[in-house]
């Protein structure tokens, strides 16, 4: 697997690490990726039918797919090019840009209206 976006020094250090060190690192990474805050950071801007980019674990390339299902820890995508389905952790999804139309900024509250005169006035 090529990793063009990973620093060459990091890759070299990983290649020099022992198997135990790599295992320890993988367990730490698994725990970090399973953190619900990380899942929500990606999931909050996703919706069914949305086209997103995701990482193909086989070769490290980014592919495009449509969101067809969203579960607690996994998303199901229909890949556009090869027309196959992928069940992936949310960490494999390139975080989509937040849509300002979906999350409008809070409007300033309107000033209170002047009281209307009544018969008693």
PDB file of N, CA and C in Angstrom:
ATOM      1  N   UNK A   1       0.847  -1.174   0.000  1.00  0.00           N
ATOM      2  CA  UNK A   1       0.000   0.000   0.000  1.00  0.00           C
ATOM      3  C   UNK A   1       0.885   1.226   0.000  1.00  0.00           C
ATOM      4  N   UNK A   2       0.642   2.119  -0.912  1.00  0.00           N
ATOM      5  CA  UNK A   2       1.393   3.364  -0.922  1.00  0.00           C
ATOM      6  C   UNK A   2       0.704   4.343   0.007  1.00  0.00           C
ATOM      7  N   UNK A   3       1.476   5.174   0.632  1.00  0.00           N
ATOM      8  CA  UNK A   3       0.924   6.153   1.560  1.00  0.00           C
ATOM      9  C   UNK A   3       1.507   7.516   1.240  1.00  0.00           C
ATOM     10  N   UNK A   4       1.070   8.143   0.144  1.00  0.00           N
ATOM     11  CA  UNK A   4       1.673   9.393  -0.280  1.00  0.00           C
ATOM     12  C   UNK A   4       1.475  10.536   0.704  1.00  0.00           C
ATOM     13  N   UNK A   5       0.436  10.497   1.534  1.00  0.00           N
ATOM     14  CA  UNK A   5       0.195  11.615   2.438  1.00  0.00           C
ATOM     15  C   UNK A   5       0.844  11.420   3.806  1.00  0.00           C
ATOM     16  N   UNK A   6       1.500  10.294   4.032  1.00  0.00           N
ATOM     17  CA  UNK A   6       2.166  10.043   5.309  1.00  0.00           C
ATOM     18  C   UNK A   6       3.630  10.436   5.185  1.00  0.00           C
ATOM     19  N   UNK A   7       4.102  11.156   6.172  1.00  0.00           N
ATOM     20  CA  UNK A   7       5.481  11.630   6.200  1.00  0.00           C
ATOM     21  C   UNK A   7       6.442  10.441   6.069  1.00  0.00           C
ATOM     22  N   UNK A   8       7.429  10.567   5.199  1.00  0.00           N
ATOM     23  CA  UNK A   8       8.396   9.488   4.956  1.00  0.00           C
ATOM     24  C   UNK A   8       9.149   9.110   6.229  1.00  0.00           C
ATOM     25  N   UNK A   9       9.402  10.086   7.109  1.00  0.00           N
ATOM     26  CA  UNK A   9      10.116   9.791   8.363  1.00  0.00           C
ATOM     27  C   UNK A   9       9.267   8.911   9.275  1.00  0.00           C
ATOM     28  N   UNK A  10       7.954   9.155   9.272  1.00  0.00           N
ATOM     29  CA  UNK A  10       7.057   8.335  10.091  1.00  0.00           C
ATOM     30  C   UNK A  10       7.048   6.902   9.564  1.00  0.00           C
ATOM     31  N   UNK A  11       6.942   6.757   8.239  1.00  0.00           N
ATOM     32  CA  UNK A  11       6.961   5.415   7.651  1.00  0.00           C
ATOM     33  C   UNK A  11       8.261   4.683   7.963  1.00  0.00           C
ATOM     34  N   UNK A  12       9.366   5.392   7.887  1.00  0.00           N
ATOM     35  CA  UNK A  12      10.659   4.770   8.175  1.00  0.00           C
ATOM     36  C   UNK A  12      10.725   4.326   9.637  1.00  0.00           C
ATOM     37  N   UNK A  13      10.231   5.167  10.541  1.00  0.00           N
ATOM     38  CA  UNK A  13      10.228   4.811  11.961  1.00  0.00           C
ATOM     39  C   UNK A  13       9.342   3.592  12.205  1.00  0.00           C
ATOM     40  N   UNK A  14       8.209   3.522  11.524  1.00  0.00           N
ATOM     41  CA  UNK A  14       7.324   2.369  11.682  1.00  0.00           C
ATOM     42  C   UNK A  14       7.978   1.093  11.166  1.00  0.00           C
ATOM     43  N   UNK A  15       8.719   1.194  10.091  1.00  0.00           N
ATOM     44  CA  UNK A  15       9.393   0.015   9.543  1.00  0.00           C
ATOM     45  C   UNK A  15      10.488  -0.488  10.481  1.00  0.00           C
ATOM     46  N   UNK A  16      11.055   0.402  11.277  1.00  0.00           N
ATOM     47  CA  UNK A  16      12.109   0.021  12.220  1.00  0.00           C
ATOM     48  C   UNK A  16      11.540  -0.498  13.545  1.00  0.00           C
ATOM     49  N   UNK A  17      10.246  -0.303  13.782  1.00  0.00           N
ATOM     50  CA  UNK A  17       9.626  -0.704  15.050  1.00  0.00           C
ATOM     51  C   UNK A  17       9.498  -2.220  15.132  1.00  0.00           C
ATOM     52  N   UNK A  18       9.506  -2.717  16.363  1.00  0.00           N
ATOM     53  CA  UNK A  18       9.304  -4.159  16.567  1.00  0.00           C
ATOM     54  C   UNK A  18       7.827  -4.493  16.356  1.00  0.00           C
ATOM     55  N   UNK A  19       7.555  -5.767  16.216  1.00  0.00           N
ATOM     56  CA  UNK A  19       6.166  -6.203  16.048  1.00  0.00           C
ATOM     57  C   UNK A  19       5.326  -5.835  17.266  1.00  0.00           C
ATOM     58  N   UNK A  20       5.898  -5.971  18.462  1.00  0.00           N
ATOM     59  CA  UNK A  20       5.167  -5.614  19.675  1.00  0.00           C
ATOM     60  C   UNK A  20       4.850  -4.117  19.690  1.00  0.00           C
ATOM     61  N   UNK A  21       5.818  -3.300  19.319  1.00  0.00           N
ATOM     62  CA  UNK A  21       5.576  -1.853  19.274  1.00  0.00           C
ATOM     63  C   UNK A  21       4.483  -1.508  18.261  1.00  0.00           C
ATOM     64  N   UNK A  22       4.503  -2.171  17.113  1.00  0.00           N
ATOM     65  CA  UNK A  22       3.460  -1.933  16.110  1.00  0.00           C
ATOM     66  C   UNK A  22       2.094  -2.373  16.631  1.00  0.00           C
ATOM     67  N   UNK A  23       2.056  -3.489  17.339  1.00  0.00           N
ATOM     68  CA  UNK A  23       0.798  -3.968  17.904  1.00  0.00           C
ATOM     69  C   UNK A  23       0.265  -2.976  18.941  1.00  0.00           C
ATOM     70  N   UNK A  24       1.150  -2.501  19.811  1.00  0.00           N
ATOM     71  CA  UNK A  24       0.735  -1.518  20.812  1.00  0.00           C
ATOM     72  C   UNK A  24       0.187  -0.261  20.136  1.00  0.00           C
ATOM     73  N   UNK A  25       0.867   0.186  19.116  1.00  0.00           N
ATOM     74  CA  UNK A  25       0.423   1.369  18.381  1.00  0.00           C
ATOM     75  C   UNK A  25      -0.928   1.119  17.714  1.00  0.00           C
ATOM     76  N   UNK A  26      -1.112  -0.073  17.155  1.00  0.00           N
ATOM     77  CA  UNK A  26      -2.386  -0.362  16.482  1.00  0.00           C
ATOM     78  C   UNK A  26      -3.546  -0.367  17.474  1.00  0.00           C
ATOM     79  N   UNK A  27      -3.319  -0.847  18.708  1.00  0.00           N
ATOM     80  CA  UNK A  27      -4.408  -0.836  19.695  1.00  0.00           C
ATOM     81  C   UNK A  27      -4.748   0.588  20.117  1.00  0.00           C
ATOM     82  N   UNK A  28      -3.744   1.426  20.244  1.00  0.00           N
ATOM     83  CA  UNK A  28      -3.999   2.836  20.572  1.00  0.00           C
ATOM     84  C   UNK A  28      -4.784   3.499  19.441  1.00  0.00           C
ATOM     85  N   UNK A  29      -4.389   3.242  18.210  1.00  0.00           N
ATOM     86  CA  UNK A  29      -5.076   3.829  17.056  1.00  0.00           C
ATOM     87  C   UNK A  29      -6.514   3.328  16.982  1.00  0.00           C
ATOM     88  N   UNK A  30      -6.729   2.033  17.211  1.00  0.00           N
ATOM     89  CA  UNK A  30      -8.098   1.484  17.195  1.00  0.00           C
ATOM     90  C   UNK A  30      -8.979   2.174  18.221  1.00  0.00           C
ATOM     91  N   UNK A  31      -8.441   2.394  19.432  1.00  0.00           N
ATOM     92  CA  UNK A  31      -9.223   3.080  20.465  1.00  0.00           C
ATOM     93  C   UNK A  31      -9.535   4.513  20.065  1.00  0.00           C
ATOM     94  N   UNK A  32      -8.567   5.198  19.479  1.00  0.00           N
ATOM     95  CA  UNK A  32      -8.798   6.581  19.041  1.00  0.00           C
ATOM     96  C   UNK A  32      -9.862   6.644  17.948  1.00  0.00           C
ATOM     97  N   UNK A  33      -9.796   5.726  16.992  1.00  0.00           N
ATOM     98  CA  UNK A  33     -10.767   5.725  15.895  1.00  0.00           C
ATOM     99  C   UNK A  33     -12.166   5.349  16.361  1.00  0.00           C
ATOM    100  N   UNK A  34     -12.264   4.573  17.444  1.00  0.00           N
ATOM    101  CA  UNK A  34     -13.568   4.163  17.967  1.00  0.00           C
ATOM    102  C   UNK A  34     -14.188   5.214  18.887  1.00  0.00           C
ATOM    103  N   UNK A  35     -13.479   6.291  19.154  1.00  0.00           N
ATOM    104  CA  UNK A  35     -13.988   7.356  20.021  1.00  0.00           C
ATOM    105  C   UNK A  35     -15.256   7.950  19.409  1.00  0.00           C
ATOM    106  N   UNK A  36     -16.369   7.930  20.131  1.00  0.00           N
ATOM    107  CA  UNK A  36     -17.625   8.458  19.584  1.00  0.00           C
ATOM    108  C   UNK A  36     -17.528   9.903  19.100  1.00  0.00           C
ATOM    109  N   UNK A  37     -16.669  10.702  19.710  1.00  0.00           N
ATOM    110  CA  UNK A  37     -16.521  12.095  19.249  1.00  0.00           C
ATOM    111  C   UNK A  37     -15.961  12.148  17.837  1.00  0.00           C
ATOM    112  N   UNK A  38     -15.041  11.252  17.519  1.00  0.00           N
ATOM    113  CA  UNK A  38     -14.489  11.212  16.155  1.00  0.00           C
ATOM    114  C   UNK A  38     -15.550  10.757  15.161  1.00  0.00           C
ATOM    115  N   UNK A  39     -16.334   9.764  15.558  1.00  0.00           N
ATOM    116  CA  UNK A  39     -17.396   9.270  14.679  1.00  0.00           C
ATOM    117  C   UNK A  39     -18.404  10.384  14.412  1.00  0.00           C
ATOM    118  N   UNK A  40     -18.822  11.076  15.468  1.00  0.00           N
ATOM    119  CA  UNK A  40     -19.792  12.161  15.301  1.00  0.00           C
ATOM    120  C   UNK A  40     -19.240  13.315  14.477  1.00  0.00           C
ATOM    121  N   UNK A  41     -17.935  13.565  14.571  1.00  0.00           N
ATOM    122  CA  UNK A  41     -17.340  14.655  13.798  1.00  0.00           C
ATOM    123  C   UNK A  41     -17.528  14.437  12.300  1.00  0.00           C
ATOM    124  N   UNK A  42     -17.512  13.187  11.852  1.00  0.00           N
ATOM    125  CA  UNK A  42     -17.740  12.878  10.436  1.00  0.00           C
ATOM    126  C   UNK A  42     -19.233  12.731  10.171  1.00  0.00           C
ATOM    127  N   UNK A  43     -19.907  12.017  11.042  1.00  0.00           N
ATOM    128  CA  UNK A  43     -21.313  11.660  10.816  1.00  0.00           C
ATOM    129  C   UNK A  43     -22.258  12.859  10.796  1.00  0.00           C
ATOM    130  N   UNK A  44     -21.949  13.901  11.561  1.00  0.00           N
ATOM    131  CA  UNK A  44     -22.870  15.033  11.676  1.00  0.00           C
ATOM    132  C   UNK A  44     -23.091  15.754  10.350  1.00  0.00           C
ATOM    133  N   UNK A  45     -22.159  15.658   9.424  1.00  0.00           N
ATOM    134  CA  UNK A  45     -22.291  16.331   8.131  1.00  0.00           C
ATOM    135  C   UNK A  45     -22.639  15.370   6.997  1.00  0.00           C
ATOM    136  N   UNK A  46     -23.009  14.126   7.330  1.00  0.00           N
ATOM    137  CA  UNK A  46     -23.390  13.145   6.310  1.00  0.00           C
ATOM    138  C   UNK A  46     -24.899  13.004   6.235  1.00  0.00           C
ATOM    139  N   UNK A  47     -25.396  12.671   5.054  1.00  0.00           N
ATOM    140  CA  UNK A  47     -26.812  12.338   4.907  1.00  0.00           C
ATOM    141  C   UNK A  47     -26.953  11.301   3.806  1.00  0.00           C
ATOM    142  N   UNK A  48     -28.054  10.567   3.827  1.00  0.00           N
ATOM    143  CA  UNK A  48     -28.296   9.537   2.819  1.00  0.00           C
ATOM    144  C   UNK A  48     -28.324  10.160   1.430  1.00  0.00           C
ATOM    145  N   UNK A  49     -27.704   9.480   0.477  1.00  0.00           N
ATOM    146  CA  UNK A  49     -27.658   9.958  -0.901  1.00  0.00           C
ATOM    147  C   UNK A  49     -26.499  10.892  -1.193  1.00  0.00           C
ATOM    148  N   UNK A  50     -25.775  11.301  -0.172  1.00  0.00           N
ATOM    149  CA  UNK A  50     -24.650  12.219  -0.349  1.00  0.00           C
ATOM    150  C   UNK A  50     -23.468  11.490  -0.982  1.00  0.00           C
ATOM    151  N   UNK A  51     -22.776  12.158  -1.904  1.00  0.00           N
ATOM    152  CA  UNK A  51     -21.562  11.607  -2.499  1.00  0.00           C
ATOM    153  C   UNK A  51     -20.373  12.038  -1.649  1.00  0.00           C
ATOM    154  N   UNK A  52     -19.556  11.063  -1.252  1.00  0.00           N
ATOM    155  CA  UNK A  52     -18.385  11.330  -0.416  1.00  0.00           C
ATOM    156  C   UNK A  52     -17.176  10.593  -0.988  1.00  0.00           C
ATOM    157  N   UNK A  53     -16.006  10.968  -0.496  1.00  0.00           N
ATOM    158  CA  UNK A  53     -14.787  10.247  -0.860  1.00  0.00           C
ATOM    159  C   UNK A  53     -14.385   9.391   0.329  1.00  0.00           C
ATOM    160  N   UNK A  54     -13.867   8.195   0.016  1.00  0.00           N
ATOM    161  CA  UNK A  54     -13.439   7.283   1.070  1.00  0.00           C
ATOM    162  C   UNK A  54     -12.152   6.599   0.648  1.00  0.00           C
ATOM    163  N   UNK A  55     -11.428   6.088   1.653  1.00  0.00           N
ATOM    164  CA  UNK A  55     -10.157   5.429   1.379  1.00  0.00           C
ATOM    165  C   UNK A  55     -10.363   3.943   1.148  1.00  0.00           C
ATOM    166  N   UNK A  56      -9.824   3.463   0.034  1.00  0.00           N
ATOM    167  CA  UNK A  56      -9.810   2.031  -0.270  1.00  0.00           C
ATOM    168  C   UNK A  56      -8.636   1.430   0.501  1.00  0.00           C
ATOM    169  N   UNK A  57      -8.922   0.584   1.488  1.00  0.00           N
ATOM    170  CA  UNK A  57      -7.877   0.014   2.336  1.00  0.00           C
ATOM    171  C   UNK A  57      -6.914  -0.873   1.561  1.00  0.00           C
ATOM    172  N   UNK A  58      -7.321  -1.346   0.368  1.00  0.00           N
ATOM    173  CA  UNK A  58      -6.459  -2.256  -0.392  1.00  0.00           C
ATOM    174  C   UNK A  58      -5.251  -1.550  -0.983  1.00  0.00           C
ATOM    175  N   UNK A  59      -5.444  -0.308  -1.438  1.00  0.00           N
ATOM    176  CA  UNK A  59      -4.321   0.383  -2.084  1.00  0.00           C
ATOM    177  C   UNK A  59      -4.120   1.815  -1.594  1.00  0.00           C
ATOM    178  N   UNK A  60      -4.942   2.271  -0.651  1.00  0.00           N
ATOM    179  CA  UNK A  60      -4.783   3.613  -0.098  1.00  0.00           C
ATOM    180  C   UNK A  60      -5.343   4.724  -0.965  1.00  0.00           C
ATOM    181  N   UNK A  61      -5.992   4.372  -2.080  1.00  0.00           N
ATOM    182  CA  UNK A  61      -6.530   5.412  -2.968  1.00  0.00           C
ATOM    183  C   UNK A  61      -7.869   5.926  -2.443  1.00  0.00           C
ATOM    184  N   UNK A  62      -8.218   7.134  -2.875  1.00  0.00           N
ATOM    185  CA  UNK A  62      -9.519   7.692  -2.527  1.00  0.00           C
ATOM    186  C   UNK A  62     -10.503   7.381  -3.641  1.00  0.00           C
ATOM    187  N   UNK A  63     -11.688   6.929  -3.268  1.00  0.00           N
ATOM    188  CA  UNK A  63     -12.753   6.600  -4.221  1.00  0.00           C
ATOM    189  C   UNK A  63     -13.986   7.408  -3.857  1.00  0.00           C
ATOM    190  N   UNK A  64     -14.953   7.443  -4.781  1.00  0.00           N
ATOM    191  CA  UNK A  64     -16.199   8.153  -4.519  1.00  0.00           C
ATOM    192  C   UNK A  64     -17.343   7.170  -4.381  1.00  0.00           C
ATOM    193  N   UNK A  65     -18.242   7.473  -3.468  1.00  0.00           N
ATOM    194  CA  UNK A  65     -19.421   6.637  -3.290  1.00  0.00           C
ATOM    195  C   UNK A  65     -20.567   7.435  -2.707  1.00  0.00           C
ATOM    196  N   UNK A  66     -21.767   6.879  -2.844  1.00  0.00           N
ATOM    197  CA  UNK A  66     -22.971   7.498  -2.274  1.00  0.00           C
ATOM    198  C   UNK A  66     -23.320   6.801  -0.971  1.00  0.00           C
ATOM    199  N   UNK A  67     -23.715   7.585   0.020  1.00  0.00           N
ATOM    200  CA  UNK A  67     -24.124   7.047   1.311  1.00  0.00           C
ATOM    201  C   UNK A  67     -25.489   6.380   1.139  1.00  0.00           C
ATOM    202  N   UNK A  68     -25.563   5.069   1.428  1.00  0.00           N
ATOM    203  CA  UNK A  68     -26.836   4.349   1.307  1.00  0.00           C
ATOM    204  C   UNK A  68     -27.370   3.885   2.665  1.00  0.00           C
ATOM    205  N   UNK A  69     -26.529   3.843   3.693  1.00  0.00           N
ATOM    206  CA  UNK A  69     -26.985   3.486   5.039  1.00  0.00           C
ATOM    207  C   UNK A  69     -25.987   4.023   6.055  1.00  0.00           C
ATOM    208  N   UNK A  70     -26.516   4.386   7.219  1.00  0.00           N
ATOM    209  CA  UNK A  70     -25.669   4.885   8.301  1.00  0.00           C
ATOM    210  C   UNK A  70     -26.025   4.132   9.579  1.00  0.00           C
ATOM    211  N   UNK A  71     -25.046   3.468  10.156  1.00  0.00           N
ATOM    212  CA  UNK A  71     -25.226   2.741  11.410  1.00  0.00           C
ATOM    213  C   UNK A  71     -24.417   3.459  12.494  1.00  0.00           C
ATOM    214  N   UNK A  72     -24.416   2.891  13.700  1.00  0.00           N
ATOM    215  CA  UNK A  72     -23.712   3.542  14.802  1.00  0.00           C
ATOM    216  C   UNK A  72     -22.231   3.755  14.518  1.00  0.00           C
ATOM    217  N   UNK A  73     -21.560   2.712  14.029  1.00  0.00           N
ATOM    218  CA  UNK A  73     -20.110   2.802  13.841  1.00  0.00           C
ATOM    219  C   UNK A  73     -19.674   2.627  12.399  1.00  0.00           C
ATOM    220  N   UNK A  74     -20.613   2.313  11.504  1.00  0.00           N
ATOM    221  CA  UNK A  74     -20.267   2.063  10.098  1.00  0.00           C
ATOM    222  C   UNK A  74     -21.212   2.790   9.162  1.00  0.00           C
ATOM    223  N   UNK A  75     -20.687   3.093   7.997  1.00  0.00           N
ATOM    224  CA  UNK A  75     -21.487   3.673   6.922  1.00  0.00           C
ATOM    225  C   UNK A  75     -21.417   2.713   5.736  1.00  0.00           C
ATOM    226  N   UNK A  76     -22.516   2.583   5.007  1.00  0.00           N
ATOM    227  CA  UNK A  76     -22.528   1.761   3.798  1.00  0.00           C
ATOM    228  C   UNK A  76     -22.555   2.699   2.608  1.00  0.00           C
ATOM    229  N   UNK A  77     -21.611   2.483   1.700  1.00  0.00           N
ATOM    230  CA  UNK A  77     -21.487   3.321   0.508  1.00  0.00           C
ATOM    231  C   UNK A  77     -21.657   2.476  -0.740  1.00  0.00           C
ATOM    232  N   UNK A  78     -22.244   3.068  -1.764  1.00  0.00           N
ATOM    233  CA  UNK A  78     -22.320   2.438  -3.086  1.00  0.00           C
ATOM    234  C   UNK A  78     -21.277   3.147  -3.942  1.00  0.00           C
ATOM    235  N   UNK A  79     -20.198   2.421  -4.254  1.00  0.00           N
ATOM    236  CA  UNK A  79     -19.113   3.023  -5.031  1.00  0.00           C
ATOM    237  C   UNK A  79     -19.602   3.327  -6.437  1.00  0.00           C
ATOM    238  N   UNK A  80     -19.280   4.526  -6.911  1.00  0.00           N
ATOM    239  CA  UNK A  80     -19.788   4.977  -8.202  1.00  0.00           C
ATOM    240  C   UNK A  80     -19.082   4.307  -9.373  1.00  0.00           C
ATOM    241  N   UNK A  81     -17.772   4.118  -9.287  1.00  0.00           N
ATOM    242  CA  UNK A  81     -17.021   3.605 -10.433  1.00  0.00           C
ATOM    243  C   UNK A  81     -17.220   2.106 -10.640  1.00  0.00           C
ATOM    244  N   UNK A  82     -17.034   1.324  -9.598  1.00  0.00           N
ATOM    245  CA  UNK A  82     -17.129  -0.136  -9.739  1.00  0.00           C
ATOM    246  C   UNK A  82     -18.513  -0.674  -9.401  1.00  0.00           C
ATOM    247  N   UNK A  83     -19.401   0.187  -8.948  1.00  0.00           N
ATOM    248  CA  UNK A  83     -20.783  -0.184  -8.612  1.00  0.00           C
ATOM    249  C   UNK A  83     -20.842  -1.351  -7.612  1.00  0.00           C
ATOM    250  N   UNK A  84     -20.105  -1.198  -6.533  1.00  0.00           N
ATOM    251  CA  UNK A  84     -20.165  -2.201  -5.470  1.00  0.00           C
ATOM    252  C   UNK A  84     -20.373  -1.497  -4.147  1.00  0.00           C
ATOM    253  N   UNK A  85     -20.829  -2.244  -3.146  1.00  0.00           N
ATOM    254  CA  UNK A  85     -21.096  -1.659  -1.838  1.00  0.00           C
ATOM    255  C   UNK A  85     -19.932  -1.901  -0.891  1.00  0.00           C
ATOM    256  N   UNK A  86     -19.686  -0.898  -0.063  1.00  0.00           N
ATOM    257  CA  UNK A  86     -18.636  -0.948   0.938  1.00  0.00           C
ATOM    258  C   UNK A  86     -19.256  -0.642   2.298  1.00  0.00           C
ATOM    259  N   UNK A  87     -18.932  -1.440   3.311  1.00  0.00           N
ATOM    260  CA  UNK A  87     -19.280  -1.131   4.701  1.00  0.00           C
ATOM    261  C   UNK A  87     -17.977  -0.709   5.360  1.00  0.00           C
ATOM    262  N   UNK A  88     -17.938   0.535   5.791  1.00  0.00           N
ATOM    263  CA  UNK A  88     -16.695   1.108   6.291  1.00  0.00           C
ATOM    264  C   UNK A  88     -16.907   1.812   7.624  1.00  0.00           C
ATOM    265  N   UNK A  89     -15.845   1.902   8.420  1.00  0.00           N
ATOM    266  CA  UNK A  89     -15.935   2.757   9.605  1.00  0.00           C
ATOM    267  C   UNK A  89     -15.962   4.220   9.148  1.00  0.00           C
ATOM    268  N   UNK A  90     -16.538   5.076   9.959  1.00  0.00           N
ATOM    269  CA  UNK A  90     -16.615   6.493   9.594  1.00  0.00           C
ATOM    270  C   UNK A  90     -15.233   7.111   9.395  1.00  0.00           C
ATOM    271  N   UNK A  91     -14.217   6.542  10.036  1.00  0.00           N
ATOM    272  CA  UNK A  91     -12.861   7.071   9.894  1.00  0.00           C
ATOM    273  C   UNK A  91     -12.345   6.969   8.466  1.00  0.00           C
ATOM    274  N   UNK A  92     -12.898   6.064   7.656  1.00  0.00           N
ATOM    275  CA  UNK A  92     -12.443   5.897   6.267  1.00  0.00           C
ATOM    276  C   UNK A  92     -13.019   6.955   5.334  1.00  0.00           C
ATOM    277  N   UNK A  93     -13.946   7.771   5.838  1.00  0.00           N
ATOM    278  CA  UNK A  93     -14.600   8.792   5.023  1.00  0.00           C
ATOM    279  C   UNK A  93     -13.835  10.099   5.130  1.00  0.00           C
ATOM    280  N   UNK A  94     -13.598  10.725   3.997  1.00  0.00           N
ATOM    281  CA  UNK A  94     -13.025  12.071   4.010  1.00  0.00           C
ATOM    282  C   UNK A  94     -14.104  12.991   4.568  1.00  0.00           C
ATOM    283  N   UNK A  95     -13.816  13.714   5.646  1.00  0.00           N
ATOM    284  CA  UNK A  95     -14.876  14.534   6.241  1.00  0.00           C
ATOM    285  C   UNK A  95     -15.449  15.518   5.222  1.00  0.00           C
ATOM    286  N   UNK A  96     -16.777  15.485   5.038  1.00  0.00           N
ATOM    287  CA  UNK A  96     -17.383  16.421   4.098  1.00  0.00           C
ATOM    288  C   UNK A  96     -17.349  17.835   4.656  1.00  0.00           C
ATOM    289  N   UNK A  97     -17.374  18.802   3.749  1.00  0.00           N
ATOM    290  CA  UNK A  97     -17.433  20.191   4.180  1.00  0.00           C
ATOM    291  C   UNK A  97     -18.819  20.449   4.754  1.00  0.00           C
ATOM    292  N   UNK A  98     -18.902  21.120   5.901  1.00  0.00           N
ATOM    293  CA  UNK A  98     -20.222  21.406   6.458  1.00  0.00           C
ATOM    294  C   UNK A  98     -21.033  22.257   5.486  1.00  0.00           C
ATOM    295  N   UNK A  99     -22.306  21.928   5.362  1.00  0.00           N
ATOM    296  CA  UNK A  99     -23.203  22.665   4.480  1.00  0.00           C
ATOM    297  C   UNK A  99     -23.864  23.770   5.295  1.00  0.00           C
ATOM    298  N   UNK A 100     -23.566  25.057   4.995  1.00  0.00           N
ATOM    299  CA  UNK A 100     -24.137  26.137   5.795  1.00  0.00           C
ATOM    300  C   UNK A 100     -25.660  26.188   5.712  1.00  0.00           C
ATOM    301  N   UNK A 101     -26.246  25.684   4.630  1.00  0.00           N
ATOM    302  CA  UNK A 101     -27.705  25.695   4.506  1.00  0.00           C
ATOM    303  C   UNK A 101     -28.343  24.711   5.481  1.00  0.00           C
ATOM    304  N   UNK A 102     -27.614  23.640   5.816  1.00  0.00           N
ATOM    305  CA  UNK A 102     -28.146  22.639   6.736  1.00  0.00           C
ATOM    306  C   UNK A 102     -28.032  23.120   8.177  1.00  0.00           C
ATOM    307  N   UNK A 103     -26.959  23.847   8.478  1.00  0.00           N
ATOM    308  CA  UNK A 103     -26.731  24.347   9.829  1.00  0.00           C
ATOM    309  C   UNK A 103     -26.700  25.869   9.799  1.00  0.00           C
ATOM    310  N   UNK A 104     -27.859  26.536   9.662  1.00  0.00           N
ATOM    311  CA  UNK A 104     -27.832  27.989   9.581  1.00  0.00           C
ATOM    312  C   UNK A 104     -27.329  28.585  10.889  1.00  0.00           C
ATOM    313  N   UNK A 105     -26.644  29.705  10.772  1.00  0.00           N
ATOM    314  CA  UNK A 105     -26.157  30.378  11.957  1.00  0.00           C
ATOM    315  C   UNK A 105     -27.346  30.960  12.705  1.00  0.00           C
ATOM    316  N   UNK A 106     -27.220  31.019  13.992  1.00  0.00           N
ATOM    317  CA  UNK A 106     -28.321  31.529  14.800  1.00  0.00           C
ATOM    318  C   UNK A 106     -28.579  32.990  14.455  1.00  0.00           C
ATOM    319  N   UNK A 107     -29.831  33.289  14.177  1.00  0.00           N
ATOM    320  CA  UNK A 107     -30.205  34.666  13.869  1.00  0.00           C
ATOM    321  C   UNK A 107     -30.336  35.434  15.175  1.00  0.00           C
ATOM    322  N   UNK A 108     -30.088  36.736  15.085  1.00  0.00           N
ATOM    323  CA  UNK A 108     -30.240  37.554  16.279  1.00  0.00           C
ATOM    324  C   UNK A 108     -31.713  37.612  16.643  1.00  0.00           C
ATOM    325  N   UNK A 109     -32.024  37.567  17.927  1.00  0.00           N
ATOM    326  CA  UNK A 109     -33.433  37.617  18.308  1.00  0.00           C
ATOM    327  C   UNK A 109     -34.036  38.978  17.966  1.00  0.00           C
ATOM    328  N   UNK A 110     -35.307  38.941  17.588  1.00  0.00           N
ATOM    329  CA  UNK A 110     -35.985  40.190  17.258  1.00  0.00           C
ATOM    330  C   UNK A 110     -36.240  40.964  18.542  1.00  0.00           C
ATOM    331  N   UNK A 111     -36.170  42.308  18.460  1.00  0.00           N
ATOM    332  CA  UNK A 111     -36.464  43.094  19.666  1.00  0.00           C
ATOM    333  C   UNK A 111     -37.941  42.941  20.027  1.00  0.00           C
ATOM    334  N   UNK A 112     -38.257  43.044  21.308  1.00  0.00           N
ATOM    335  CA  UNK A 112     -39.659  42.895  21.700  1.00  0.00           C
ATOM    336  C   UNK A 112     -40.510  44.003  21.081  1.00  0.00           C
ATOM    337  N   UNK A 113     -41.738  43.653  20.706  1.00  0.00           N
ATOM    338  CA  UNK A 113     -42.637  44.638  20.111  1.00  0.00           C
ATOM    339  C   UNK A 113     -43.245  45.503  21.207  1.00  0.00           C
ATOM    340  N   UNK A 114     -43.587  46.725  20.806  1.00  0.00           N
ATOM    341  CA  UNK A 114     -44.246  47.633  21.747  1.00  0.00           C
ATOM    342  C   UNK A 114     -45.623  47.076  22.083  1.00  0.00           C
ATOM    343  N   UNK A 115     -46.066  47.244  23.326  1.00  0.00           N
ATOM    344  CA  UNK A 115     -47.381  46.721  23.687  1.00  0.00           C
ATOM    345  C   UNK A 115     -48.485  47.407  22.880  1.00  0.00           C
ATOM    346  N   UNK A 116     -49.497  46.650  22.514  1.00  0.00           N
ATOM    347  CA  UNK A 116     -50.639  47.176  21.765  1.00  0.00           C
ATOM    348  C   UNK A 116     -51.628  47.808  22.750  1.00  0.00           C
ATOM    349  N   UNK A 117     -52.177  48.963  22.370  1.00  0.00           N
ATOM    350  CA  UNK A 117     -53.175  49.577  23.261  1.00  0.00           C
ATOM    351  C   UNK A 117     -54.424  48.702  23.355  1.00  0.00           C
ATOM    352  N   UNK A 118     -55.024  48.677  24.525  1.00  0.00           N
ATOM    353  CA  UNK A 118     -56.244  47.906  24.756  1.00  0.00           C
ATOM    354  C   UNK A 118     -57.374  48.854  25.141  1.00  0.00           C
ATOM    355  N   UNK A 119     -58.546  48.356  25.378  1.00  0.00           N
ATOM    356  CA  UNK A 119     -59.695  49.187  25.774  1.00  0.00           C
ATOM    357  C   UNK A 119     -59.448  49.884  27.103  1.00  0.00           C
ATOM    358  N   UNK A 120     -58.672  49.223  27.943  1.00  0.00           N
ATOM    359  CA  UNK A 120     -58.442  49.785  29.276  1.00  0.00           C
ATOM    360  C   UNK A 120     -57.491  50.971  29.242  1.00  0.00           C
ATOM    361  N   UNK A 121     -56.800  51.223  28.103  1.00  0.00           N
ATOM    362  CA  UNK A 121     -55.836  52.333  28.025  1.00  0.00           C
ATOM    363  C   UNK A 121     -56.528  53.639  27.804  1.00  0.00           C
TER     364      UNK A 121
END
